[in-house]
Amino acid sequence: ECSAAGVWGGLVQAGGSLRLSCAASGDIFSTWIMGWFRQAPGKEREFVAAIIWRGGKVMYSDSVKGRFRISKENAKNMLYLEMNSLLVEDTADYYCAAEIRSRVGPISTTSSAYDYWGQGTLVTVSS
């Protein structure tokens, strides 16, 4: 069983950078999808980025494409989100998540498709 834990966020000025890390406990199988979501105050949880554990195919939301980069370290069961050129509107609680798959398929962008969630971490971007 896999659970996402240990996401570290922080406070950063607009235009700055921050890297989130997610340490997954248990096994992550190659067909699984690991993703990042975020939820701003008063808003619904939204998809940020995801990666297929085997092969590394990635997908980004339009709002972060070109600024954020998702990556992984298979041997350490680590998932990362490198966030650059941060905007005030990137302020949110960020969550890592895992979608259990028995076979490789399209990346899901809806939160309901994901089975395991980290506890979330607050990223605050100041102007």
C-alpha atoms as a PDB file:
ATOM      1  CA  GLU A   1       0.000   0.000   0.000  1.00  0.00           C
ATOM      2  CA  CYS A   2       1.300   3.399  -0.901  1.00  0.00           C
ATOM      3  CA  SER A   3       0.614   6.678   0.815  1.00  0.00           C
ATOM      4  CA  ALA A   4       2.010  10.046  -0.045  1.00  0.00           C
ATOM      5  CA  ALA A   5       3.618  11.890   2.788  1.00  0.00           C
ATOM      6  CA  GLY A   6       6.216  14.462   3.583  1.00  0.00           C
ATOM      7  CA  VAL A   7       5.364  17.322   1.292  1.00  0.00           C
ATOM      8  CA  TRP A   8       7.292  20.424   2.222  1.00  0.00           C
ATOM      9  CA  GLY A   9       6.107  23.830   1.019  1.00  0.00           C
ATOM     10  CA  GLY A  10       6.884  27.358   2.062  1.00  0.00           C
ATOM     11  CA  LEU A  11       6.734  31.078   1.493  1.00  0.00           C
ATOM     12  CA  VAL A  12       8.261  32.672  -1.574  1.00  0.00           C
ATOM     13  CA  GLN A  13       8.067  35.985  -3.402  1.00  0.00           C
ATOM     14  CA  ALA A  14       6.438  36.301  -6.782  1.00  0.00           C
ATOM     15  CA  GLY A  15       8.875  35.368  -9.502  1.00  0.00           C
ATOM     16  CA  GLY A  16      10.707  33.012  -7.199  1.00  0.00           C
ATOM     17  CA  SER A  17      11.077  29.262  -7.194  1.00  0.00           C
ATOM     18  CA  LEU A  18      10.227  26.445  -4.853  1.00  0.00           C
ATOM     19  CA  ARG A  19      10.470  22.682  -5.029  1.00  0.00           C
ATOM     20  CA  LEU A  20       7.968  20.364  -3.426  1.00  0.00           C
ATOM     21  CA  SER A  21       8.934  16.831  -2.498  1.00  0.00           C
ATOM     22  CA  CYS A  22       6.673  13.899  -1.814  1.00  0.00           C
ATOM     23  CA  ALA A  23       8.007  10.760  -0.176  1.00  0.00           C
ATOM     24  CA  ALA A  24       5.825   7.772  -0.896  1.00  0.00           C
ATOM     25  CA  SER A  25       5.773   4.939   1.595  1.00  0.00           C
ATOM     26  CA  GLY A  26       5.268   1.424   0.307  1.00  0.00           C
ATOM     27  CA  ASP A  27       5.609   0.237  -3.262  1.00  0.00           C
ATOM     28  CA  ILE A  28       4.739   2.312  -6.294  1.00  0.00           C
ATOM     29  CA  PHE A  29       3.977   0.102  -9.235  1.00  0.00           C
ATOM     30  CA  SER A  30       5.144   1.059 -12.685  1.00  0.00           C
ATOM     31  CA  THR A  31       1.646   1.537 -14.082  1.00  0.00           C
ATOM     32  CA  TRP A  32       0.626   3.985 -11.382  1.00  0.00           C
ATOM     33  CA  ILE A  33       0.215   7.692 -12.004  1.00  0.00           C
ATOM     34  CA  MET A  34       1.641  10.147  -9.497  1.00  0.00           C
ATOM     35  CA  GLY A  35       0.245  13.638  -9.521  1.00  0.00           C
ATOM     36  CA  TRP A  36       0.130  17.040  -7.905  1.00  0.00           C
ATOM     37  CA  PHE A  37      -3.055  18.938  -7.169  1.00  0.00           C
ATOM     38  CA  ARG A  38      -3.663  22.223  -5.433  1.00  0.00           C
ATOM     39  CA  GLN A  39      -6.508  23.916  -3.657  1.00  0.00           C
ATOM     40  CA  ALA A  40      -6.703  27.636  -3.096  1.00  0.00           C
ATOM     41  CA  PRO A  41      -8.944  29.089  -0.370  1.00  0.00           C
ATOM     42  CA  GLY A  42     -12.575  28.974  -1.428  1.00  0.00           C
ATOM     43  CA  LYS A  43     -11.806  27.059  -4.602  1.00  0.00           C
ATOM     44  CA  GLU A  44     -12.065  23.461  -5.704  1.00  0.00           C
ATOM     45  CA  ARG A  45      -9.043  21.200  -5.844  1.00  0.00           C
ATOM     46  CA  GLU A  46      -7.433  21.429  -9.262  1.00  0.00           C
ATOM     47  CA  PHE A  47      -4.991  19.354 -11.265  1.00  0.00           C
ATOM     48  CA  VAL A  48      -1.452  20.693 -11.546  1.00  0.00           C
ATOM     49  CA  ALA A  49       0.723  17.960 -13.052  1.00  0.00           C
ATOM     50  CA  ALA A  50       1.108  14.207 -13.219  1.00  0.00           C
ATOM     51  CA  ILE A  51       3.596  11.603 -14.347  1.00  0.00           C
ATOM     52  CA  ILE A  52       3.337   7.943 -15.247  1.00  0.00           C
ATOM     53  CA  TRP A  53       5.702   6.076 -12.954  1.00  0.00           C
ATOM     54  CA  ARG A  54       6.988   3.890 -15.778  1.00  0.00           C
ATOM     55  CA  GLY A  55       8.272   5.769 -18.758  1.00  0.00           C
ATOM     56  CA  GLY A  56       7.802   9.217 -17.308  1.00  0.00           C
ATOM     57  CA  LYS A  57       5.107  10.629 -19.583  1.00  0.00           C
ATOM     58  CA  VAL A  58       3.928  13.895 -18.049  1.00  0.00           C
ATOM     59  CA  MET A  59       0.983  16.240 -18.245  1.00  0.00           C
ATOM     60  CA  TYR A  60       0.540  19.774 -16.953  1.00  0.00           C
ATOM     61  CA  SER A  61      -2.379  22.095 -16.494  1.00  0.00           C
ATOM     62  CA  ASP A  62      -2.366  25.089 -18.800  1.00  0.00           C
ATOM     63  CA  SER A  63      -1.926  27.413 -15.843  1.00  0.00           C
ATOM     64  CA  VAL A  64       1.470  25.968 -14.894  1.00  0.00           C
ATOM     65  CA  LYS A  65       2.783  24.693 -18.225  1.00  0.00           C
ATOM     66  CA  GLY A  66       6.214  26.113 -18.930  1.00  0.00           C
ATOM     67  CA  ARG A  67       6.724  27.172 -15.313  1.00  0.00           C
ATOM     68  CA  PHE A  68       6.397  23.948 -13.300  1.00  0.00           C
ATOM     69  CA  ARG A  69       8.200  20.666 -13.796  1.00  0.00           C
ATOM     70  CA  ILE A  70       7.212  17.317 -12.331  1.00  0.00           C
ATOM     71  CA  SER A  71       9.864  14.652 -11.858  1.00  0.00           C
ATOM     72  CA  LYS A  72      10.472  11.435  -9.951  1.00  0.00           C
ATOM     73  CA  GLU A  73      13.158   9.263  -8.444  1.00  0.00           C
ATOM     74  CA  ASN A  74      11.983   5.710  -8.852  1.00  0.00           C
ATOM     75  CA  ALA A  75      14.634   4.166  -6.623  1.00  0.00           C
ATOM     76  CA  LYS A  76      13.685   6.419  -3.708  1.00  0.00           C
ATOM     77  CA  ASN A  77       9.937   6.543  -4.372  1.00  0.00           C
ATOM     78  CA  MET A  78      10.184  10.318  -4.479  1.00  0.00           C
ATOM     79  CA  LEU A  79       8.005  12.704  -6.454  1.00  0.00           C
ATOM     80  CA  TYR A  80       8.967  16.314  -7.030  1.00  0.00           C
ATOM     81  CA  LEU A  81       7.342  19.481  -8.291  1.00  0.00           C
ATOM     82  CA  GLU A  82       9.725  22.245  -9.279  1.00  0.00           C
ATOM     83  CA  MET A  83       7.873  25.533  -9.422  1.00  0.00           C
ATOM     84  CA  ASN A  84       9.433  28.505 -11.176  1.00  0.00           C
ATOM     85  CA  SER A  85       8.249  32.027 -11.999  1.00  0.00           C
ATOM     86  CA  LEU A  86       5.726  31.727  -9.224  1.00  0.00           C
ATOM     87  CA  LEU A  87       2.662  33.945  -9.288  1.00  0.00           C
ATOM     88  CA  VAL A  88       0.521  35.141  -6.415  1.00  0.00           C
ATOM     89  CA  GLU A  89      -2.290  33.041  -7.855  1.00  0.00           C
ATOM     90  CA  ASP A  90      -0.181  29.916  -7.343  1.00  0.00           C
ATOM     91  CA  THR A  91      -0.834  30.289  -3.613  1.00  0.00           C
ATOM     92  CA  ALA A  92      -2.613  27.142  -2.460  1.00  0.00           C
ATOM     93  CA  ASP A  93      -2.370  23.942  -0.510  1.00  0.00           C
ATOM     94  CA  TYR A  94      -0.498  21.466  -2.671  1.00  0.00           C
ATOM     95  CA  TYR A  95      -1.144  17.734  -2.509  1.00  0.00           C
ATOM     96  CA  CYS A  96       0.604  14.785  -4.020  1.00  0.00           C
ATOM     97  CA  ALA A  97      -1.550  11.861  -5.029  1.00  0.00           C
ATOM     98  CA  ALA A  98      -1.347   8.396  -6.507  1.00  0.00           C
ATOM     99  CA  GLU A  99      -3.724   6.723  -8.936  1.00  0.00           C
ATOM    100  CA  ILE A 100      -3.668   2.938  -8.900  1.00  0.00           C
ATOM    101  CA  ARG A 101      -3.587   1.473 -12.394  1.00  0.00           C
ATOM    102  CA  SER A 102      -3.235  -2.114 -13.538  1.00  0.00           C
ATOM    103  CA  ARG A 103      -2.047  -0.973 -16.949  1.00  0.00           C
ATOM    104  CA  VAL A 104      -0.538   2.145 -18.444  1.00  0.00           C
ATOM    105  CA  GLY A 105      -3.145   4.531 -19.787  1.00  0.00           C
ATOM    106  CA  PRO A 106      -4.064   8.203 -20.218  1.00  0.00           C
ATOM    107  CA  ILE A 107      -3.256  10.503 -17.329  1.00  0.00           C
ATOM    108  CA  SER A 108      -6.259  11.482 -15.254  1.00  0.00           C
ATOM    109  CA  THR A 109      -6.731  15.129 -14.363  1.00  0.00           C
ATOM    110  CA  THR A 110      -9.710  14.699 -12.038  1.00  0.00           C
ATOM    111  CA  SER A 111      -9.043  14.359  -8.331  1.00  0.00           C
ATOM    112  CA  SER A 112     -11.666  11.632  -7.915  1.00  0.00           C
ATOM    113  CA  ALA A 113      -9.531   9.291 -10.016  1.00  0.00           C
ATOM    114  CA  TYR A 114      -6.716   9.304  -7.471  1.00  0.00           C
ATOM    115  CA  ASP A 115      -6.642   6.778  -4.665  1.00  0.00           C
ATOM    116  CA  TYR A 116      -3.993   7.955  -2.218  1.00  0.00           C
ATOM    117  CA  TRP A 117      -3.322  11.479  -1.044  1.00  0.00           C
ATOM    118  CA  GLY A 118      -0.644  13.247   0.920  1.00  0.00           C
ATOM    119  CA  GLN A 119      -1.571  15.583   3.733  1.00  0.00           C
ATOM    120  CA  GLY A 120      -0.884  18.713   1.721  1.00  0.00           C
ATOM    121  CA  THR A 121       1.407  21.640   2.233  1.00  0.00           C
ATOM    122  CA  LEU A 122       0.797  25.345   1.955  1.00  0.00           C
ATOM    123  CA  VAL A 123       2.648  27.339  -0.671  1.00  0.00           C
ATOM    124  CA  THR A 124       2.296  31.073  -0.248  1.00  0.00           C
ATOM    125  CA  VAL A 125       3.481  33.428  -2.969  1.00  0.00           C
ATOM    126  CA  SER A 126       3.742  37.040  -1.860  1.00  0.00           C
ATOM    127  CA  SER A 127       3.678  40.047  -4.161  1.00  0.00           C
END
